[in-house]
Protein backbone atom coordinates (compact mmCIF):
# COMPACT_ATOMS: atom_id res chain seq x y z
CA MET A 1 -0.03 0.11 0.00
CA THR A 2 1.55 3.57 -0.90
CA ALA A 3 1.58 6.43 1.44
CA PRO A 4 -1.45 8.14 -0.26
CA GLU A 5 -3.53 5.01 0.08
CA VAL A 6 -2.47 4.73 3.83
CA ALA A 7 -3.50 8.27 4.36
CA GLN A 8 -6.84 7.80 2.57
CA VAL A 9 -7.45 4.78 4.81
CA VAL A 10 -6.74 6.48 8.00
CA LEU A 11 -8.87 9.56 6.91
CA ARG A 12 -11.77 6.84 6.30
CA ILE A 13 -11.38 5.54 9.77
CA LEU A 14 -11.35 8.98 11.46
CA LEU A 15 -14.44 10.07 9.49
CA ALA A 16 -16.11 6.97 10.17
CA ALA A 17 -15.48 7.39 14.10
CA VAL A 18 -16.81 11.09 13.83
CA PHE A 19 -19.90 10.07 11.94
CA ALA A 20 -20.70 7.15 14.27
CA PHE A 21 -19.95 9.20 17.21
CA MET A 22 -22.55 12.02 15.95
CA GLY A 23 -24.72 9.25 14.83
CA VAL A 24 -25.25 7.93 18.19
CA THR A 25 -25.62 11.36 20.01
CA HIS A 26 -29.03 11.60 17.82
CA PHE A 27 -30.37 8.75 20.26
CA VAL A 28 -29.08 10.51 23.64
CA PRO A 29 -32.26 11.79 25.27
CA ARG A 30 -30.73 15.31 26.21
CA VAL A 31 -28.85 15.59 22.88
CA ARG A 32 -32.00 14.48 21.08
CA ARG A 33 -34.19 17.21 22.47
CA GLY A 34 -31.71 19.83 21.50
CA MET A 35 -31.55 18.43 17.85
CA ARG A 36 -35.10 18.36 17.63
CA ALA A 37 -35.30 22.12 18.53
CA MET A 38 -32.80 22.90 15.92
CA ILE A 39 -35.17 21.75 13.02
CA PRO A 40 -36.19 25.15 11.21
CA PRO A 41 -39.73 26.22 11.49
CA GLY A 42 -40.00 25.89 7.60
CA LEU A 43 -39.74 22.16 8.00
CA ARG A 44 -42.37 21.99 10.80
CA ARG A 45 -45.39 21.90 8.57
CA PRO A 46 -48.12 19.61 8.23
CA GLY A 47 -46.91 16.81 5.81
CA MET A 48 -43.69 16.89 6.77
CA PRO A 49 -41.59 14.53 8.72
CA SER A 50 -41.86 15.47 12.51
CA PRO A 51 -38.32 16.88 13.93
CA ALA A 52 -38.07 13.66 16.26
CA PHE A 53 -38.34 11.53 13.04
CA LEU A 54 -35.98 13.93 11.01
CA VAL A 55 -33.33 13.67 14.05
CA ALA A 56 -33.65 9.74 14.44
CA PHE A 57 -33.38 9.55 10.37
CA THR A 58 -30.37 12.01 10.57
CA GLY A 59 -28.76 9.77 13.02
CA VAL A 60 -29.19 6.50 11.28
CA ALA A 61 -27.90 8.02 8.12
CA GLU A 62 -24.60 9.22 9.92
CA LEU A 63 -24.21 5.46 11.39
CA ALA A 64 -24.80 4.29 7.75
CA GLY A 65 -22.34 6.53 6.51
CA ALA A 66 -19.74 5.31 8.93
CA VAL A 67 -20.35 1.80 7.94
CA GLY A 68 -20.01 2.65 4.33
CA LEU A 69 -17.07 4.42 4.65
CA LEU A 70 -15.05 1.44 6.14
CA THR A 71 -16.58 -1.15 3.79
CA PRO A 72 -14.08 -2.89 1.42
CA TRP A 73 -15.77 -2.17 -1.96
CA PRO A 74 -14.41 0.80 -3.84
CA LEU A 75 -17.84 1.79 -5.48
CA LEU A 76 -19.69 1.43 -2.25
CA ARG A 77 -17.41 3.59 -0.36
CA GLU A 78 -17.84 6.26 -3.41
CA LEU A 79 -21.54 6.27 -3.34
CA THR A 80 -21.28 6.41 0.53
CA GLY A 81 -19.03 9.41 -0.07
CA ILE A 82 -21.60 11.07 -2.30
CA ALA A 83 -24.33 10.21 -0.26
CA LEU A 84 -22.65 11.80 2.89
CA VAL A 85 -21.81 14.89 0.92
CA VAL A 86 -25.72 15.40 0.09
CA PHE A 87 -26.30 14.58 3.72
CA LEU A 88 -24.05 17.49 4.96
CA ILE A 89 -25.68 19.84 2.41
CA LEU A 90 -29.24 19.03 3.69
CA VAL A 91 -28.51 19.12 7.31
CA PHE A 92 -26.92 22.47 7.13
CA PRO A 93 -30.08 24.66 7.36
CA ALA A 94 -30.71 23.26 10.90
CA ASN A 95 -27.33 24.30 11.89
CA ALA A 96 -27.64 27.80 10.29
CA TYR A 97 -30.86 28.12 12.15
CA ALA A 98 -29.05 27.28 15.23
CA SER A 99 -26.46 29.73 14.72
CA GLN A 100 -29.08 32.38 14.44
CA HIS A 101 -30.42 31.82 17.95
CA ARG A 102 -27.33 31.40 20.53
CA GLU A 103 -29.48 32.48 23.26
CA ARG A 104 -31.65 29.17 22.69
CA PHE A 105 -28.91 26.73 21.68
CA GLY A 106 -25.57 27.90 23.52
CA ARG A 107 -22.65 25.83 22.41
CA ALA A 108 -24.64 23.93 19.71
CA ALA A 109 -25.28 27.45 17.98
CA ILE A 110 -21.73 27.64 16.49
CA PRO A 111 -21.55 30.94 14.60
CA PHE A 112 -22.37 30.76 10.81
CA TRP A 113 -19.11 31.34 8.91
CA PRO A 114 -17.25 29.04 10.99
CA ARG A 115 -19.82 26.40 10.88
CA TYR A 116 -20.16 26.96 7.12
CA LEU A 117 -16.61 26.81 6.70
CA GLY A 118 -16.29 23.55 8.84
CA GLN A 119 -18.99 22.04 6.73
CA LEU A 120 -17.05 22.68 3.57
CA ALA A 121 -14.06 21.21 5.05
CA LEU A 122 -15.84 18.16 6.06
CA ILE A 123 -17.14 17.65 2.65
CA ALA A 124 -13.76 18.02 1.31
CA LEU A 125 -12.27 15.41 3.75
CA VAL A 126 -15.24 13.15 2.69
CA LEU A 127 -14.54 13.26 -0.99
CA ALA A 128 -10.75 12.92 -0.20
CA ALA A 129 -11.53 9.85 1.77
CA VAL A 130 -13.52 8.17 -1.09
CA ILE A 131 -12.01 9.19 -4.43
């Protein structure tokens, strides 16, 4: 295995650990309540999935992403990476909403621009890990 390949494997393992940890937190009652509150009002309409469902679904998606990053099949890893990029884009509005309501969300309300740049960096790392 070449040095770049080893680095990519290490990156996949680290990202899998991050996504697994974050996925598990979606099912910790105290954290789950805070995440439900972060669902923007625009997604709290009749006919839309409930905030509880969205939090559980995103937790499962992160756990599945962690597993997919570690799979031995390159095509599945690439598909996982693409799915995680889409996932990171789709969950960003909840983070942006929280950033605008620091008084309500405290530490979870990372200011918008650092959160945005962090999200872009995470997307870049996911792509680097699978491509």
